[in-house]
Amino acid sequence: MASKKIKIDKEIFVKAKKYSQTAGYSSAEEFISHILEKEIAKIEEGDDSVDAIKKRLQGLGYIS
């Protein structure tokens, strides 16, 4: 699997690292990747409009 680097707020990464260990993931990166996969699957499964998807991504901070 190819990898890309993304910027993430330090506080969010610290929390992700903490909770990834609690949830039994091998790393924060694995945990974050799994969360993103789940959110993408939700969007792909739903009948959301493009505007609703944009609002959700803006709320998550992925687009401005």
N, C-alpha and C. Protein backbone atom coordinates (compact mmCIF):
# COMPACT_ATOMS: atom_id res chain seq x y z
N MET A 1 0.83 -1.17 0.00
CA MET A 1 0.00 0.00 0.00
C MET A 1 0.89 1.24 0.00
N ALA A 2 0.62 2.15 -0.91
CA ALA A 2 1.37 3.39 -0.97
C ALA A 2 0.96 4.29 0.20
N SER A 3 1.88 5.10 0.64
CA SER A 3 1.54 5.98 1.76
C SER A 3 1.77 7.43 1.37
N LYS A 4 0.99 8.29 1.95
CA LYS A 4 1.10 9.73 1.78
C LYS A 4 1.17 10.35 3.15
N LYS A 5 1.84 11.46 3.25
CA LYS A 5 1.90 12.17 4.52
C LYS A 5 0.81 13.23 4.54
N ILE A 6 0.17 13.35 5.69
CA ILE A 6 -0.82 14.40 5.88
C ILE A 6 -0.48 15.16 7.16
N LYS A 7 -0.90 16.41 7.21
CA LYS A 7 -0.70 17.19 8.42
C LYS A 7 -1.91 16.99 9.31
N ILE A 8 -1.64 16.84 10.59
CA ILE A 8 -2.71 16.67 11.56
C ILE A 8 -2.34 17.46 12.81
N ASP A 9 -3.34 18.05 13.42
CA ASP A 9 -3.12 18.83 14.62
C ASP A 9 -2.45 17.97 15.68
N LYS A 10 -1.47 18.53 16.38
CA LYS A 10 -0.70 17.77 17.36
C LYS A 10 -1.59 17.20 18.46
N GLU A 11 -2.55 17.99 18.94
CA GLU A 11 -3.43 17.53 20.00
C GLU A 11 -4.28 16.34 19.54
N ILE A 12 -4.75 16.38 18.31
CA ILE A 12 -5.54 15.28 17.78
C ILE A 12 -4.67 14.03 17.66
N PHE A 13 -3.44 14.19 17.22
CA PHE A 13 -2.56 13.03 17.09
C PHE A 13 -2.26 12.41 18.45
N VAL A 14 -2.05 13.25 19.45
CA VAL A 14 -1.78 12.73 20.81
C VAL A 14 -2.98 11.92 21.30
N LYS A 15 -4.20 12.43 21.07
CA LYS A 15 -5.39 11.69 21.46
C LYS A 15 -5.52 10.40 20.68
N ALA A 16 -5.25 10.47 19.37
CA ALA A 16 -5.34 9.27 18.53
C ALA A 16 -4.34 8.22 19.01
N LYS A 17 -3.15 8.66 19.37
CA LYS A 17 -2.13 7.72 19.87
C LYS A 17 -2.60 7.06 21.16
N LYS A 18 -3.16 7.86 22.06
CA LYS A 18 -3.66 7.34 23.34
C LYS A 18 -4.77 6.31 23.11
N TYR A 19 -5.75 6.68 22.31
CA TYR A 19 -6.89 5.80 22.10
C TYR A 19 -6.57 4.61 21.21
N SER A 20 -5.59 4.75 20.36
CA SER A 20 -5.20 3.61 19.52
C SER A 20 -4.64 2.49 20.40
N GLN A 21 -3.87 2.86 21.39
CA GLN A 21 -3.33 1.86 22.31
C GLN A 21 -4.45 1.21 23.12
N THR A 22 -5.38 2.03 23.59
CA THR A 22 -6.51 1.52 24.37
C THR A 22 -7.35 0.55 23.55
N ALA A 23 -7.53 0.87 22.27
CA ALA A 23 -8.38 0.05 21.39
C ALA A 23 -7.64 -1.15 20.81
N GLY A 24 -6.33 -1.25 21.07
CA GLY A 24 -5.58 -2.42 20.64
C GLY A 24 -4.96 -2.33 19.25
N TYR A 25 -4.89 -1.12 18.69
CA TYR A 25 -4.23 -0.95 17.40
C TYR A 25 -2.72 -0.95 17.60
N SER A 26 -1.99 -1.32 16.55
CA SER A 26 -0.54 -1.40 16.67
C SER A 26 0.12 -0.02 16.60
N SER A 27 -0.62 0.98 16.08
CA SER A 27 -0.06 2.33 15.98
C SER A 27 -1.19 3.34 15.81
N ALA A 28 -0.85 4.59 16.05
CA ALA A 28 -1.82 5.66 15.82
C ALA A 28 -2.17 5.74 14.35
N GLU A 29 -1.19 5.50 13.49
CA GLU A 29 -1.42 5.55 12.05
C GLU A 29 -2.45 4.50 11.61
N GLU A 30 -2.34 3.30 12.17
CA GLU A 30 -3.30 2.25 11.84
C GLU A 30 -4.71 2.64 12.31
N PHE A 31 -4.78 3.20 13.50
CA PHE A 31 -6.05 3.65 14.07
C PHE A 31 -6.69 4.74 13.21
N ILE A 32 -5.91 5.74 12.84
CA ILE A 32 -6.40 6.85 12.02
C ILE A 32 -6.84 6.34 10.65
N SER A 33 -6.07 5.46 10.07
CA SER A 33 -6.41 4.89 8.77
C SER A 33 -7.74 4.15 8.84
N HIS A 34 -7.93 3.38 9.91
CA HIS A 34 -9.17 2.62 10.08
C HIS A 34 -10.36 3.56 10.24
N ILE A 35 -10.21 4.63 11.00
CA ILE A 35 -11.28 5.60 11.18
C ILE A 35 -11.65 6.24 9.85
N LEU A 36 -10.64 6.62 9.06
CA LEU A 36 -10.91 7.22 7.75
C LEU A 36 -11.63 6.24 6.83
N GLU A 37 -11.20 4.99 6.84
CA GLU A 37 -11.86 3.97 6.01
C GLU A 37 -13.33 3.84 6.39
N LYS A 38 -13.63 3.83 7.69
CA LYS A 38 -15.01 3.71 8.15
C LYS A 38 -15.85 4.91 7.72
N GLU A 39 -15.30 6.11 7.84
CA GLU A 39 -16.04 7.32 7.45
C GLU A 39 -16.28 7.36 5.95
N ILE A 40 -15.29 6.96 5.17
CA ILE A 40 -15.46 6.92 3.71
C ILE A 40 -16.53 5.90 3.34
N ALA A 41 -16.53 4.76 4.00
CA ALA A 41 -17.54 3.73 3.73
C ALA A 41 -18.93 4.25 4.04
N LYS A 42 -19.09 5.00 5.14
CA LYS A 42 -20.38 5.58 5.48
C LYS A 42 -20.87 6.50 4.37
N ILE A 43 -19.98 7.31 3.87
CA ILE A 43 -20.34 8.25 2.81
C ILE A 43 -20.71 7.50 1.53
N GLU A 44 -19.92 6.49 1.20
CA GLU A 44 -20.18 5.72 -0.02
C GLU A 44 -21.50 4.95 0.07
N GLU A 45 -21.86 4.48 1.23
CA GLU A 45 -23.08 3.70 1.42
C GLU A 45 -24.33 4.56 1.44
N GLY A 46 -24.20 5.78 1.92
CA GLY A 46 -25.35 6.65 2.08
C GLY A 46 -25.78 7.30 0.77
N ASP A 47 -26.98 7.83 0.78
CA ASP A 47 -27.51 8.56 -0.35
C ASP A 47 -27.36 10.05 -0.12
N ASP A 48 -26.28 10.44 0.53
CA ASP A 48 -26.05 11.85 0.85
C ASP A 48 -25.87 12.68 -0.41
N SER A 49 -26.34 13.89 -0.33
CA SER A 49 -26.12 14.82 -1.43
C SER A 49 -24.69 15.32 -1.37
N VAL A 50 -24.24 15.89 -2.45
CA VAL A 50 -22.88 16.43 -2.52
C VAL A 50 -22.71 17.52 -1.47
N ASP A 51 -23.72 18.35 -1.28
CA ASP A 51 -23.64 19.43 -0.29
C ASP A 51 -23.51 18.88 1.12
N ALA A 52 -24.24 17.82 1.44
CA ALA A 52 -24.16 17.22 2.78
C ALA A 52 -22.77 16.65 3.02
N ILE A 53 -22.20 16.03 2.00
CA ILE A 53 -20.85 15.46 2.11
C ILE A 53 -19.84 16.58 2.32
N LYS A 54 -19.97 17.66 1.56
CA LYS A 54 -19.05 18.79 1.71
C LYS A 54 -19.13 19.36 3.12
N LYS A 55 -20.35 19.51 3.65
CA LYS A 55 -20.50 20.04 5.00
C LYS A 55 -19.85 19.12 6.03
N ARG A 56 -20.01 17.82 5.85
CA ARG A 56 -19.42 16.85 6.77
C ARG A 56 -17.89 16.94 6.72
N LEU A 57 -17.32 17.02 5.53
CA LEU A 57 -15.87 17.12 5.39
C LEU A 57 -15.35 18.45 5.94
N GLN A 58 -16.10 19.52 5.77
CA GLN A 58 -15.71 20.81 6.35
C GLN A 58 -15.73 20.72 7.87
N GLY A 59 -16.76 20.09 8.41
CA GLY A 59 -16.84 19.93 9.85
C GLY A 59 -15.69 19.13 10.42
N LEU A 60 -15.20 18.19 9.64
CA LEU A 60 -14.06 17.37 10.07
C LEU A 60 -12.73 18.08 9.81
N GLY A 61 -12.78 19.21 9.10
CA GLY A 61 -11.57 19.97 8.83
C GLY A 61 -10.77 19.52 7.62
N TYR A 62 -11.34 18.66 6.79
CA TYR A 62 -10.60 18.16 5.62
C TYR A 62 -10.64 19.12 4.46
N ILE A 63 -11.70 19.92 4.36
CA ILE A 63 -11.78 20.95 3.33
C ILE A 63 -12.25 22.24 3.97
N SER A 64 -11.93 23.35 3.31
CA SER A 64 -12.35 24.64 3.87
C SER A 64 -13.26 25.37 2.92
